[in-house]
PDB file of N, CA and C in Angstrom:
ATOM      1  N   MET A   1      -9.067  -5.821   3.791  1.00  0.00           N
ATOM      2  CA  MET A   1      -8.248  -5.742   2.508  1.00  0.00           C
ATOM      3  C   MET A   1      -7.152  -6.780   2.926  1.00  0.00           C
ATOM      4  N   ASP A   2      -6.730  -7.793   1.963  1.00  0.00           N
ATOM      5  CA  ASP A   2      -5.909  -8.797   2.311  1.00  0.00           C
ATOM      6  C   ASP A   2      -4.483  -7.774   1.968  1.00  0.00           C
ATOM      7  N   ASP A   3      -3.303  -8.897   2.123  1.00  0.00           N
ATOM      8  CA  ASP A   3      -1.926  -8.192   2.019  1.00  0.00           C
ATOM      9  C   ASP A   3      -1.788  -7.916   0.509  1.00  0.00           C
ATOM     10  N   THR A   4      -2.271  -8.777  -0.368  1.00  0.00           N
ATOM     11  CA  THR A   4      -2.195  -8.550  -1.800  1.00  0.00           C
ATOM     12  C   THR A   4      -2.696  -7.333  -2.466  1.00  0.00           C
ATOM     13  N   GLN A   5      -4.011  -7.213  -1.811  1.00  0.00           N
ATOM     14  CA  GLN A   5      -4.620  -5.860  -2.153  1.00  0.00           C
ATOM     15  C   GLN A   5      -3.706  -4.733  -1.406  1.00  0.00           C
ATOM     16  N   ALA A   6      -3.081  -4.899  -0.399  1.00  0.00           N
ATOM     17  CA  ALA A   6      -2.884  -3.493   0.422  1.00  0.00           C
ATOM     18  C   ALA A   6      -1.397  -3.504  -0.011  1.00  0.00           C
ATOM     19  N   GLN A   7      -0.759  -4.279  -0.596  1.00  0.00           N
ATOM     20  CA  GLN A   7       0.445  -4.058  -1.454  1.00  0.00           C
ATOM     21  C   GLN A   7       0.266  -3.285  -3.003  1.00  0.00           C
ATOM     22  N   ARG A   8      -1.090  -3.941  -3.450  1.00  0.00           N
ATOM     23  CA  ARG A   8      -1.061  -3.061  -4.915  1.00  0.00           C
ATOM     24  C   ARG A   8      -1.785  -1.882  -4.684  1.00  0.00           C
ATOM     25  N   LEU A   9      -2.294  -1.411  -3.548  1.00  0.00           N
ATOM     26  CA  LEU A   9      -2.659  -0.152  -2.985  1.00  0.00           C
ATOM     27  C   LEU A   9      -1.444   0.707  -2.778  1.00  0.00           C
ATOM     28  N   LEU A  10      -0.409   0.332  -2.241  1.00  0.00           N
ATOM     29  CA  LEU A  10       0.660   0.984  -1.850  1.00  0.00           C
ATOM     30  C   LEU A  10       1.820   0.930  -3.258  1.00  0.00           C
ATOM     31  N   SER A  11       1.669   0.230  -3.924  1.00  0.00           N
ATOM     32  CA  SER A  11       2.451   0.416  -5.487  1.00  0.00           C
ATOM     33  C   SER A  11       1.718   1.489  -6.374  1.00  0.00           C
ATOM     34  N   LEU A  12       0.243   1.713  -6.182  1.00  0.00           N
ATOM     35  CA  LEU A  12      -0.325   2.716  -6.909  1.00  0.00           C
ATOM     36  C   LEU A  12      -0.345   4.143  -5.999  1.00  0.00           C
ATOM     37  N   TYR A  13      -0.296   4.074  -4.853  1.00  0.00           N
ATOM     38  CA  TYR A  13      -0.355   5.277  -4.198  1.00  0.00           C
ATOM     39  C   TYR A  13       0.893   5.224  -2.844  1.00  0.00           C
ATOM     40  N   PRO A  14       2.175   5.178  -3.570  1.00  0.00           N
ATOM     41  CA  PRO A  14       3.420   5.311  -2.561  1.00  0.00           C
ATOM     42  C   PRO A  14       3.159   6.304  -1.266  1.00  0.00           C
ATOM     43  N   SER A  15       2.362   7.238  -1.387  1.00  0.00           N
ATOM     44  CA  SER A  15       2.352   8.365  -0.193  1.00  0.00           C
ATOM     45  C   SER A  15       1.804   7.589   0.910  1.00  0.00           C
ATOM     46  N   LEU A  16       0.864   6.662   0.426  1.00  0.00           N
ATOM     47  CA  LEU A  16       0.318   5.868   1.948  1.00  0.00           C
ATOM     48  C   LEU A  16       1.349   4.842   2.468  1.00  0.00           C
ATOM     49  N   ALA A  17       2.415   4.800   2.341  1.00  0.00           N
ATOM     50  CA  ALA A  17       3.353   4.068   2.944  1.00  0.00           C
ATOM     51  C   ALA A  17       3.312   4.065   4.554  1.00  0.00           C
ATOM     52  N   SER A  18       3.144   5.385   4.810  1.00  0.00           N
ATOM     53  CA  SER A  18       3.339   5.639   6.211  1.00  0.00           C
ATOM     54  C   SER A  18       1.986   5.091   7.286  1.00  0.00           C
ATOM     55  N   GLN A  19       1.225   5.145   6.262  1.00  0.00           N
ATOM     56  CA  GLN A  19      -0.193   4.368   6.958  1.00  0.00           C
ATOM     57  C   GLN A  19      -0.402   3.036   6.572  1.00  0.00           C
ATOM     58  N   GLU A  20       0.445   2.219   6.243  1.00  0.00           N
ATOM     59  CA  GLU A  20       0.368   0.964   6.184  1.00  0.00           C
ATOM     60  C   GLU A  20      -0.202  -0.041   7.417  1.00  0.00           C
ATOM     61  N   GLN A  21       0.133   0.274   8.491  1.00  0.00           N
ATOM     62  CA  GLN A  21      -0.753  -0.322   9.443  1.00  0.00           C
ATOM     63  C   GLN A  21      -2.083  -0.035   9.389  1.00  0.00           C
ATOM     64  N   THR A  22      -2.903   0.867   8.896  1.00  0.00           N
ATOM     65  CA  THR A  22      -4.238   0.921   8.915  1.00  0.00           C
ATOM     66  C   THR A  22      -5.011   0.647   7.322  1.00  0.00           C
ATOM     67  N   LEU A  23      -3.686   0.127   6.377  1.00  0.00           N
ATOM     68  CA  LEU A  23      -4.831  -0.458   5.417  1.00  0.00           C
ATOM     69  C   LEU A  23      -5.525  -1.605   5.558  1.00  0.00           C
ATOM     70  N   SER A  24      -5.234  -2.316   6.420  1.00  0.00           N
ATOM     71  CA  SER A  24      -5.927  -3.738   6.677  1.00  0.00           C
ATOM     72  C   SER A  24      -7.237  -3.255   7.085  1.00  0.00           C
ATOM     73  N   GLY A  25      -7.873  -1.967   7.546  1.00  0.00           N
ATOM     74  CA  GLY A  25      -8.990  -1.798   7.872  1.00  0.00           C
ATOM     75  C   GLY A  25      -9.744  -0.891   7.075  1.00  0.00           C
ATOM     76  N   LEU A  26      -9.264  -0.627   5.939  1.00  0.00           N
ATOM     77  CA  LEU A  26     -10.028   0.185   4.822  1.00  0.00           C
ATOM     78  C   LEU A  26     -11.083  -0.973   4.063  1.00  0.00           C
ATOM     79  N   PRO A  27     -11.994  -0.521   4.027  1.00  0.00           N
ATOM     80  CA  PRO A  27     -13.181  -1.251   3.138  1.00  0.00           C
ATOM     81  C   PRO A  27     -12.539  -1.501   1.462  1.00  0.00           C
ATOM     82  N   LEU A  28     -12.609  -2.531   0.872  1.00  0.00           N
ATOM     83  CA  LEU A  28     -12.627  -2.700  -0.386  1.00  0.00           C
ATOM     84  C   LEU A  28     -13.888  -3.289  -1.035  1.00  0.00           C
ATOM     85  N   ILE A  29     -14.382  -2.031  -1.982  1.00  0.00           N
ATOM     86  CA  ILE A  29     -15.462  -2.573  -2.726  1.00  0.00           C
ATOM     87  C   ILE A  29     -15.268  -2.844  -4.198  1.00  0.00           C
ATOM     88  N   THR A  30     -16.371  -3.604  -5.111  1.00  0.00           N
ATOM     89  CA  THR A  30     -16.183  -3.495  -6.127  1.00  0.00           C
ATOM     90  C   THR A  30     -17.568  -2.829  -6.713  1.00  0.00           C
ATOM     91  N   VAL A  31     -17.517  -2.067  -7.379  1.00  0.00           N
ATOM     92  CA  VAL A  31     -18.621  -1.261  -7.686  1.00  0.00           C
ATOM     93  C   VAL A  31     -18.723  -1.307  -9.319  1.00  0.00           C
ATOM     94  N   PRO A  32     -20.108  -2.148  -9.521  1.00  0.00           N
ATOM     95  CA  PRO A  32     -20.942  -2.264 -10.819  1.00  0.00           C
ATOM     96  C   PRO A  32     -20.727  -0.825 -11.820  1.00  0.00           C
ATOM     97  N   LEU A  33     -20.385  -1.422 -12.998  1.00  0.00           N
ATOM     98  CA  LEU A  33     -20.264  -0.412 -14.036  1.00  0.00           C
ATOM     99  C   LEU A  33     -21.598   0.530 -14.036  1.00  0.00           C
ATOM    100  N   GLY A  34     -21.450   1.789 -13.998  1.00  0.00           N
ATOM    101  CA  GLY A  34     -22.543   2.867 -14.134  1.00  0.00           C
ATOM    102  C   GLY A  34     -23.084   3.169 -12.874  1.00  0.00           C
ATOM    103  N   THR A  35     -22.370   2.549 -11.651  1.00  0.00           N
ATOM    104  CA  THR A  35     -23.037   2.976 -10.394  1.00  0.00           C
ATOM    105  C   THR A  35     -22.225   4.728 -10.095  1.00  0.00           C
ATOM    106  N   VAL A  36     -23.379   5.328  -9.430  1.00  0.00           N
ATOM    107  CA  VAL A  36     -23.109   6.734  -8.969  1.00  0.00           C
ATOM    108  C   VAL A  36     -22.567   6.594  -7.715  1.00  0.00           C
ATOM    109  N   LEU A  37     -21.181   6.885  -7.443  1.00  0.00           N
ATOM    110  CA  LEU A  37     -20.619   6.993  -6.287  1.00  0.00           C
ATOM    111  C   LEU A  37     -20.940   7.850  -5.255  1.00  0.00           C
ATOM    112  N   PHE A  38     -21.270   9.399  -5.710  1.00  0.00           N
ATOM    113  CA  PHE A  38     -21.804  10.251  -5.199  1.00  0.00           C
ATOM    114  C   PHE A  38     -22.196  11.550  -6.284  1.00  0.00           C
ATOM    115  N   ARG A  39     -23.053  12.293  -5.313  1.00  0.00           N
ATOM    116  CA  ARG A  39     -23.585  13.391  -6.302  1.00  0.00           C
ATOM    117  C   ARG A  39     -22.548  14.689  -5.951  1.00  0.00           C
ATOM    118  N   GLU A  40     -22.987  15.627  -6.558  1.00  0.00           N
ATOM    119  CA  GLU A  40     -22.506  16.912  -6.347  1.00  0.00           C
ATOM    120  C   GLU A  40     -23.248  17.498  -5.244  1.00  0.00           C
ATOM    121  N   ASN A  41     -22.469  17.949  -4.407  1.00  0.00           N
ATOM    122  CA  ASN A  41     -22.776  18.671  -2.983  1.00  0.00           C
ATOM    123  C   ASN A  41     -23.382  17.606  -2.082  1.00  0.00           C
ATOM    124  N   ASP A  42     -23.129  16.591  -2.420  1.00  0.00           N
ATOM    125  CA  ASP A  42     -23.408  15.313  -1.320  1.00  0.00           C
ATOM    126  C   ASP A  42     -22.013  15.484  -0.276  1.00  0.00           C
ATOM    127  N   PRO A  43     -22.325  15.249   1.130  1.00  0.00           N
ATOM    128  CA  PRO A  43     -21.159  15.503   2.101  1.00  0.00           C
ATOM    129  C   PRO A  43     -20.144  14.105   1.603  1.00  0.00           C
ATOM    130  N   CYS A  44     -19.148  14.563   2.037  1.00  0.00           N
ATOM    131  CA  CYS A  44     -18.062  13.596   1.828  1.00  0.00           C
ATOM    132  C   CYS A  44     -18.049  12.194   2.838  1.00  0.00           C
ATOM    133  N   GLN A  45     -18.279  11.221   2.208  1.00  0.00           N
ATOM    134  CA  GLN A  45     -18.319   9.941   2.672  1.00  0.00           C
ATOM    135  C   GLN A  45     -17.124   9.027   2.674  1.00  0.00           C
ATOM    136  N   GLY A  46     -16.164   9.517   2.340  1.00  0.00           N
ATOM    137  CA  GLY A  46     -14.853   8.799   2.140  1.00  0.00           C
ATOM    138  C   GLY A  46     -14.074   9.118   0.532  1.00  0.00           C
ATOM    139  N   PHE A  47     -13.089   8.698   0.578  1.00  0.00           N
ATOM    140  CA  PHE A  47     -12.206   8.840  -0.545  1.00  0.00           C
ATOM    141  C   PHE A  47     -11.790   7.889  -1.311  1.00  0.00           C
ATOM    142  N   PRO A  48     -12.217   7.949  -2.525  1.00  0.00           N
ATOM    143  CA  PRO A  48     -12.275   6.527  -3.490  1.00  0.00           C
ATOM    144  C   PRO A  48     -10.658   6.541  -4.068  1.00  0.00           C
ATOM    145  N   LEU A  49     -10.101   5.226  -3.930  1.00  0.00           N
ATOM    146  CA  LEU A  49      -8.629   5.107  -4.224  1.00  0.00           C
ATOM    147  C   LEU A  49      -8.785   3.891  -5.317  1.00  0.00           C
ATOM    148  N   VAL A  50      -8.662   4.177  -6.642  1.00  0.00           N
ATOM    149  CA  VAL A  50      -9.133   3.170  -7.746  1.00  0.00           C
ATOM    150  C   VAL A  50      -7.759   2.040  -7.720  1.00  0.00           C
ATOM    151  N   LEU A  51      -8.158   0.753  -7.925  1.00  0.00           N
ATOM    152  CA  LEU A  51      -7.248   0.004  -7.907  1.00  0.00           C
ATOM    153  C   LEU A  51      -7.212  -0.856  -9.430  1.00  0.00           C
ATOM    154  N   ASP A  52      -8.420  -0.927  -9.576  1.00  0.00           N
ATOM    155  CA  ASP A  52      -8.858  -1.338 -11.385  1.00  0.00           C
ATOM    156  C   ASP A  52      -9.741  -0.530 -11.863  1.00  0.00           C
ATOM    157  N   GLY A  53      -9.952  -0.559 -13.146  1.00  0.00           N
ATOM    158  CA  GLY A  53     -10.859   0.148 -13.860  1.00  0.00           C
ATOM    159  C   GLY A  53     -10.903   1.554 -13.849  1.00  0.00           C
ATOM    160  N   GLU A  54     -11.945   2.111 -13.863  1.00  0.00           N
ATOM    161  CA  GLU A  54     -11.736   3.776 -13.740  1.00  0.00           C
ATOM    162  C   GLU A  54     -13.097   4.530 -13.132  1.00  0.00           C
ATOM    163  N   VAL A  55     -12.969   5.678 -12.771  1.00  0.00           N
ATOM    164  CA  VAL A  55     -14.157   6.394 -12.711  1.00  0.00           C
ATOM    165  C   VAL A  55     -14.075   7.497 -12.875  1.00  0.00           C
ATOM    166  N   ARG A  56     -15.492   7.470 -13.796  1.00  0.00           N
ATOM    167  CA  ARG A  56     -15.991   8.739 -14.498  1.00  0.00           C
ATOM    168  C   ARG A  56     -16.573  10.081 -13.527  1.00  0.00           C
ATOM    169  N   VAL A  57     -15.887  11.189 -13.655  1.00  0.00           N
ATOM    170  CA  VAL A  57     -16.229  12.317 -12.967  1.00  0.00           C
ATOM    171  C   VAL A  57     -17.230  13.184 -13.928  1.00  0.00           C
ATOM    172  N   SER A  58     -18.025  13.564 -13.638  1.00  0.00           N
ATOM    173  CA  SER A  58     -18.797  14.475 -14.252  1.00  0.00           C
ATOM    174  C   SER A  58     -19.905  15.268 -13.663  1.00  0.00           C
ATOM    175  N   ARG A  59     -20.492  16.049 -14.160  1.00  0.00           N
ATOM    176  CA  ARG A  59     -21.463  17.095 -13.203  1.00  0.00           C
ATOM    177  C   ARG A  59     -22.587  17.786 -14.446  1.00  0.00           C
ATOM    178  N   ALA A  60     -23.578  17.963 -14.056  1.00  0.00           N
ATOM    179  CA  ALA A  60     -24.686  18.564 -14.859  1.00  0.00           C
ATOM    180  C   ALA A  60     -24.406  19.931 -15.166  1.00  0.00           C
ATOM    181  N   SER A  61     -24.841  20.120 -16.801  1.00  0.00           N
ATOM    182  CA  SER A  61     -24.658  21.512 -16.981  1.00  0.00           C
ATOM    183  C   SER A  61     -25.972  22.167 -16.584  1.00  0.00           C
ATOM    184  N   PRO A  62     -26.073  23.477 -16.581  1.00  0.00           N
ATOM    185  CA  PRO A  62     -27.361  24.431 -16.587  1.00  0.00           C
ATOM    186  C   PRO A  62     -28.359  23.819 -17.432  1.00  0.00           C
ATOM    187  N   SER A  63     -28.104  23.139 -18.481  1.00  0.00           N
ATOM    188  CA  SER A  63     -29.542  22.856 -19.182  1.00  0.00           C
ATOM    189  C   SER A  63     -29.470  21.614 -18.831  1.00  0.00           C
ATOM    190  N   GLY A  64     -29.067  20.696 -18.028  1.00  0.00           N
ATOM    191  CA  GLY A  64     -29.228  19.298 -17.324  1.00  0.00           C
ATOM    192  C   GLY A  64     -28.571  18.352 -18.444  1.00  0.00           C
ATOM    193  N   ARG A  65     -27.833  18.614 -19.121  1.00  0.00           N
ATOM    194  CA  ARG A  65     -26.796  17.521 -19.743  1.00  0.00           C
ATOM    195  C   ARG A  65     -25.809  17.035 -18.762  1.00  0.00           C
ATOM    196  N   GLU A  66     -25.036  15.986 -19.054  1.00  0.00           N
ATOM    197  CA  GLU A  66     -23.949  15.376 -18.182  1.00  0.00           C
ATOM    198  C   GLU A  66     -22.749  15.968 -18.750  1.00  0.00           C
ATOM    199  N   LEU A  67     -21.962  16.457 -18.194  1.00  0.00           N
ATOM    200  CA  LEU A  67     -20.745  16.944 -18.457  1.00  0.00           C
ATOM    201  C   LEU A  67     -19.631  16.061 -17.996  1.00  0.00           C
ATOM    202  N   GLU A  68     -19.020  15.217 -18.890  1.00  0.00           N
ATOM    203  CA  GLU A  68     -17.590  14.466 -18.302  1.00  0.00           C
ATOM    204  C   GLU A  68     -16.450  15.510 -18.174  1.00  0.00           C
ATOM    205  N   LEU A  69     -15.860  15.486 -16.825  1.00  0.00           N
ATOM    206  CA  LEU A  69     -14.871  16.330 -16.466  1.00  0.00           C
ATOM    207  C   LEU A  69     -13.827  15.580 -16.816  1.00  0.00           C
ATOM    208  N   TYR A  70     -13.432  14.306 -16.408  1.00  0.00           N
ATOM    209  CA  TYR A  70     -12.216  13.705 -16.356  1.00  0.00           C
ATOM    210  C   TYR A  70     -12.431  12.516 -16.211  1.00  0.00           C
ATOM    211  N   ARG A  71     -11.467  11.422 -15.881  1.00  0.00           N
ATOM    212  CA  ARG A  71     -11.487   9.669 -15.626  1.00  0.00           C
ATOM    213  C   ARG A  71     -10.473   9.798 -14.563  1.00  0.00           C
ATOM    214  N   VAL A  72     -10.818   8.969 -13.610  1.00  0.00           N
ATOM    215  CA  VAL A  72      -9.624   8.738 -12.600  1.00  0.00           C
ATOM    216  C   VAL A  72      -9.418   7.292 -12.873  1.00  0.00           C
ATOM    217  N   GLN A  73      -7.897   7.045 -12.954  1.00  0.00           N
ATOM    218  CA  GLN A  73      -7.118   5.619 -13.494  1.00  0.00           C
ATOM    219  C   GLN A  73      -6.807   5.171 -11.926  1.00  0.00           C
ATOM    220  N   PRO A  74      -6.432   4.042 -11.725  1.00  0.00           N
ATOM    221  CA  PRO A  74      -5.743   3.469 -10.955  1.00  0.00           C
ATOM    222  C   PRO A  74      -4.709   4.324 -10.798  1.00  0.00           C
ATOM    223  N   GLY A  75      -4.089   4.452  -9.344  1.00  0.00           N
ATOM    224  CA  GLY A  75      -3.178   5.424  -9.114  1.00  0.00           C
ATOM    225  C   GLY A  75      -3.320   6.759  -8.907  1.00  0.00           C
ATOM    226  N   GLU A  76      -4.215   7.336  -9.700  1.00  0.00           N
ATOM    227  CA  GLU A  76      -4.645   8.573  -9.720  1.00  0.00           C
ATOM    228  C   GLU A  76      -5.700   9.424  -8.694  1.00  0.00           C
ATOM    229  N   MET A  77      -5.499  10.487  -8.377  1.00  0.00           N
ATOM    230  CA  MET A  77      -6.548  11.338  -7.229  1.00  0.00           C
ATOM    231  C   MET A  77      -7.386  11.969  -8.148  1.00  0.00           C
ATOM    232  N   CYS A  78      -8.794  11.773  -7.350  1.00  0.00           N
ATOM    233  CA  CYS A  78      -9.860  12.486  -7.777  1.00  0.00           C
ATOM    234  C   CYS A  78      -9.983  13.807  -7.169  1.00  0.00           C
ATOM    235  N   LEU A  79      -9.904  14.801  -8.207  1.00  0.00           N
ATOM    236  CA  LEU A  79      -9.579  16.181  -7.254  1.00  0.00           C
ATOM    237  C   LEU A  79     -10.986  16.618  -6.730  1.00  0.00           C
ATOM    238  N   VAL A  80     -12.125  16.144  -7.382  1.00  0.00           N
ATOM    239  CA  VAL A  80     -13.372  16.556  -7.016  1.00  0.00           C
ATOM    240  C   VAL A  80     -13.735  15.938  -5.144  1.00  0.00           C
ATOM    241  N   SER A  81     -13.340  14.576  -5.161  1.00  0.00           N
ATOM    242  CA  SER A  81     -13.593  14.102  -4.114  1.00  0.00           C
ATOM    243  C   SER A  81     -12.442  14.825  -3.219  1.00  0.00           C
ATOM    244  N   TRP A  82     -11.592  14.899  -3.383  1.00  0.00           N
ATOM    245  CA  TRP A  82     -10.156  15.637  -2.500  1.00  0.00           C
ATOM    246  C   TRP A  82     -11.062  16.840  -1.944  1.00  0.00           C
ATOM    247  N   ARG A  83     -11.677  17.631  -2.799  1.00  0.00           N
ATOM    248  CA  ARG A  83     -12.126  18.984  -2.160  1.00  0.00           C
ATOM    249  C   ARG A  83     -12.989  18.936  -1.299  1.00  0.00           C
ATOM    250  N   ALA A  84     -14.192  17.785  -1.741  1.00  0.00           N
ATOM    251  CA  ALA A  84     -15.113  17.215  -0.883  1.00  0.00           C
ATOM    252  C   ALA A  84     -15.063  17.237   0.310  1.00  0.00           C
ATOM    253  N   CYS A  85     -13.956  16.343   0.638  1.00  0.00           N
ATOM    254  CA  CYS A  85     -13.439  15.819   1.882  1.00  0.00           C
ATOM    255  C   CYS A  85     -12.685  17.030   2.697  1.00  0.00           C
ATOM    256  N   LEU A  86     -12.220  18.389   2.243  1.00  0.00           N
ATOM    257  CA  LEU A  86     -11.772  19.308   3.070  1.00  0.00           C
ATOM    258  C   LEU A  86     -12.542  19.703   3.767  1.00  0.00           C
ATOM    259  N   PRO A  87     -12.278  20.275   4.822  1.00  0.00           N
ATOM    260  CA  PRO A  87     -13.245  21.140   5.984  1.00  0.00           C
ATOM    261  C   PRO A  87     -13.678  22.356   5.351  1.00  0.00           C
TER     262      PRO A  87
END
């Protein structure tokens, strides 16, 4: 992550300011539209911080249909990811 990207991240997620030294080590990925980042009950592999675009959070209904729960915009936190990363 370069300095411009780190500054963008800090502007969207100001609570990370105390971790500014470690931001350069964070992986920055671009995810193609429609990519599944993780599925329900997958082990936590990280916590997505959205800089651009949006992430759609959904789950399967008992009938197998997909139900959209919410969308995560830049600067917002994904509650499902947060919960999955807790011990």
